[in-house]
Structures are given as C-alpha cells and as structure tokens.
N, C-alpha and C. Protein backbone atom coordinates (compact mmCIF):
# COMPACT_ATOMS: atom_id res chain seq x y z
N UNK A 1 -7.13 -17.15 10.11
CA UNK A 1 -6.72 -16.26 8.94
C UNK A 1 -5.15 -15.72 9.31
N UNK A 2 -4.53 -16.11 8.23
CA UNK A 2 -3.25 -15.96 8.15
C UNK A 2 -2.93 -14.33 7.97
N UNK A 3 -1.86 -13.74 8.09
CA UNK A 3 -1.29 -12.66 7.83
C UNK A 3 -1.30 -12.62 6.15
N UNK A 4 -0.92 -13.72 5.72
CA UNK A 4 -0.84 -13.69 4.26
C UNK A 4 -1.99 -14.12 3.40
N UNK A 5 -3.31 -13.84 4.06
CA UNK A 5 -4.34 -14.03 3.41
C UNK A 5 -4.68 -12.94 2.33
N UNK A 6 -4.25 -11.98 2.35
CA UNK A 6 -4.49 -10.95 1.57
C UNK A 6 -4.01 -11.12 0.04
N UNK A 7 -3.06 -12.28 -0.16
CA UNK A 7 -2.35 -12.40 -1.30
C UNK A 7 -3.22 -13.20 -2.12
N UNK A 8 -4.39 -13.88 -1.58
CA UNK A 8 -5.32 -14.84 -2.15
C UNK A 8 -5.91 -13.92 -3.39
N UNK A 9 -5.72 -14.67 -4.45
CA UNK A 9 -6.26 -14.34 -6.05
C UNK A 9 -5.80 -13.36 -6.27
N UNK A 10 -4.36 -13.03 -5.85
CA UNK A 10 -3.42 -12.08 -6.82
C UNK A 10 -2.37 -13.18 -7.63
N UNK A 11 -1.95 -12.59 -8.85
CA UNK A 11 -1.15 -13.08 -9.67
C UNK A 11 -0.07 -12.17 -10.23
N UNK A 12 1.02 -12.89 -10.77
CA UNK A 12 1.92 -12.18 -11.74
C UNK A 12 2.60 -10.98 -10.91
N UNK A 13 2.79 -9.86 -11.64
CA UNK A 13 3.08 -8.73 -11.03
C UNK A 13 2.81 -8.41 -10.00
N UNK A 14 1.38 -8.26 -9.56
CA UNK A 14 0.33 -8.12 -8.77
C UNK A 14 0.82 -8.80 -7.35
N UNK A 15 0.89 -9.90 -7.66
CA UNK A 15 1.17 -10.78 -6.61
C UNK A 15 2.83 -10.67 -5.88
N UNK A 16 3.81 -10.38 -6.90
CA UNK A 16 5.06 -10.16 -6.47
C UNK A 16 5.18 -8.75 -5.66
N UNK A 17 4.60 -7.66 -6.11
CA UNK A 17 4.30 -6.49 -5.64
C UNK A 17 4.00 -6.63 -4.09
N UNK A 18 2.78 -7.50 -4.05
CA UNK A 18 2.16 -7.56 -2.46
C UNK A 18 2.85 -8.02 -1.69
N UNK A 19 3.70 -9.29 -2.11
CA UNK A 19 4.81 -9.86 -1.33
C UNK A 19 5.65 -9.01 -0.86
N UNK A 20 6.22 -8.11 -1.79
CA UNK A 20 7.33 -7.53 -1.44
C UNK A 20 7.28 -6.31 -0.41
N UNK A 21 5.85 -5.62 -0.56
CA UNK A 21 5.73 -4.40 0.08
C UNK A 21 4.56 -4.81 1.44
N UNK A 22 4.00 -5.95 1.19
CA UNK A 22 3.16 -5.95 2.22
C UNK A 22 1.74 -5.57 2.28
N UNK A 23 1.27 -5.19 0.85
CA UNK A 23 -0.02 -4.26 0.71
C UNK A 23 -0.04 -4.51 -0.84
N UNK A 24 -1.67 -4.43 -0.92
CA UNK A 24 -1.84 -4.50 -2.52
C UNK A 24 -1.87 -3.37 -3.12
N UNK A 25 -2.15 -3.13 -4.51
CA UNK A 25 -2.15 -2.13 -5.18
C UNK A 25 -3.09 -1.21 -4.49
N UNK A 26 -4.44 -1.25 -4.48
CA UNK A 26 -5.56 -0.89 -3.69
C UNK A 26 -5.36 -0.39 -2.20
N UNK A 27 -4.53 -0.90 -1.32
CA UNK A 27 -4.26 -0.49 -0.15
C UNK A 27 -3.08 0.63 -0.39
N UNK A 28 -2.09 0.55 -1.22
CA UNK A 28 -1.24 1.57 -1.42
C UNK A 28 -2.07 2.76 -1.82
N UNK A 29 -3.01 2.79 -2.68
CA UNK A 29 -3.72 3.65 -3.25
C UNK A 29 -4.26 4.67 -2.01
N UNK A 30 -4.89 3.50 -0.97
CA UNK A 30 -5.73 4.30 0.02
C UNK A 30 -4.44 4.94 0.94
N UNK A 31 -3.20 4.19 1.05
CA UNK A 31 -2.23 4.76 2.17
C UNK A 31 -1.72 6.33 1.22
N UNK A 32 -1.41 6.08 0.07
CA UNK A 32 -1.01 7.37 -0.52
C UNK A 32 -2.08 8.46 -0.35
N UNK A 33 -3.35 8.20 -0.51
CA UNK A 33 -4.37 9.27 -0.86
C UNK A 33 -4.30 9.94 0.97
N UNK A 34 -4.01 8.99 1.92
CA UNK A 34 -4.34 9.62 3.53
C UNK A 34 -3.08 10.36 3.57
N UNK A 35 -1.78 10.13 3.06
CA UNK A 35 -0.76 10.77 3.22
C UNK A 35 -0.91 12.37 2.32
N UNK A 36 -1.44 12.18 1.41
CA UNK A 36 -1.68 13.55 0.51
C UNK A 36 -2.31 14.23 1.16
N UNK A 37 -3.50 13.70 1.89
CA UNK A 37 -4.21 14.61 2.89
C UNK A 37 -3.61 15.03 4.21
N UNK A 38 -2.50 14.43 4.75
CA UNK A 38 -1.79 14.84 5.81
C UNK A 38 -1.03 16.08 5.23
N UNK A 39 -0.58 15.95 4.06
CA UNK A 39 0.57 16.83 3.26
C UNK A 39 -0.45 18.14 2.92
N UNK A 40 -1.59 18.23 2.64
CA UNK A 40 -2.56 19.32 2.49
C UNK A 40 -2.83 20.01 3.85
N UNK A 41 -2.67 18.93 5.11
CA UNK A 41 -2.90 19.64 6.34
C UNK A 41 -1.75 20.31 7.10
N UNK A 42 -0.54 20.36 6.22
CA UNK A 42 0.75 20.78 6.60
C UNK A 42 1.49 19.93 7.20
N UNK A 43 1.13 18.51 7.56
CA UNK A 43 2.37 17.73 8.22
C UNK A 43 3.16 16.83 7.34
N UNK A 44 4.26 16.98 7.62
CA UNK A 44 5.26 16.32 6.91
C UNK A 44 5.04 14.83 6.55
N UNK A 45 5.72 14.38 5.25
CA UNK A 45 5.19 13.16 4.70
C UNK A 45 6.10 12.03 5.59
N UNK A 46 5.43 11.15 6.01
CA UNK A 46 6.31 9.90 6.80
C UNK A 46 6.87 9.03 6.10
N UNK A 47 6.55 8.39 4.93
CA UNK A 47 6.78 7.37 4.19
C UNK A 47 6.92 7.97 2.83
N UNK A 48 8.46 7.89 2.42
CA UNK A 48 8.37 8.25 0.63
C UNK A 48 7.83 6.98 0.22
N UNK A 49 7.44 8.01 -1.31
CA UNK A 49 6.90 7.06 -2.45
C UNK A 49 7.77 6.05 -2.93
N UNK A 50 7.12 5.01 -3.03
CA UNK A 50 8.25 3.66 -3.93
C UNK A 50 8.17 4.11 -5.41
C-alpha cells in the first residue's frame, strides 16, 4: 500500500486539493473537528485553518 492510495477515486478539484494538502476533504473535516474540541478545552490551536 502506497502513501498516495488515499487519492484513489478522487477527481478534479478534490484530487488537486488532496494532492496539495495530503488529506481528503473528509479528513480535513475530522481534523478541524478535533481542533475545535481542543479549543473548547482551552488549548491553543496548533494549525491555522487553510
């Protein structure tokens, strides 16, 4: 399994975004949800939103 297997099945802008960021839209939604949870717990945000 390749580190690029997550790109399988993506097309167009979704593929370009995933290639440039290293994550799919669904993965970014999960990441942002975890960061939001951290903010509500009083921890500083580690990664700025894109």
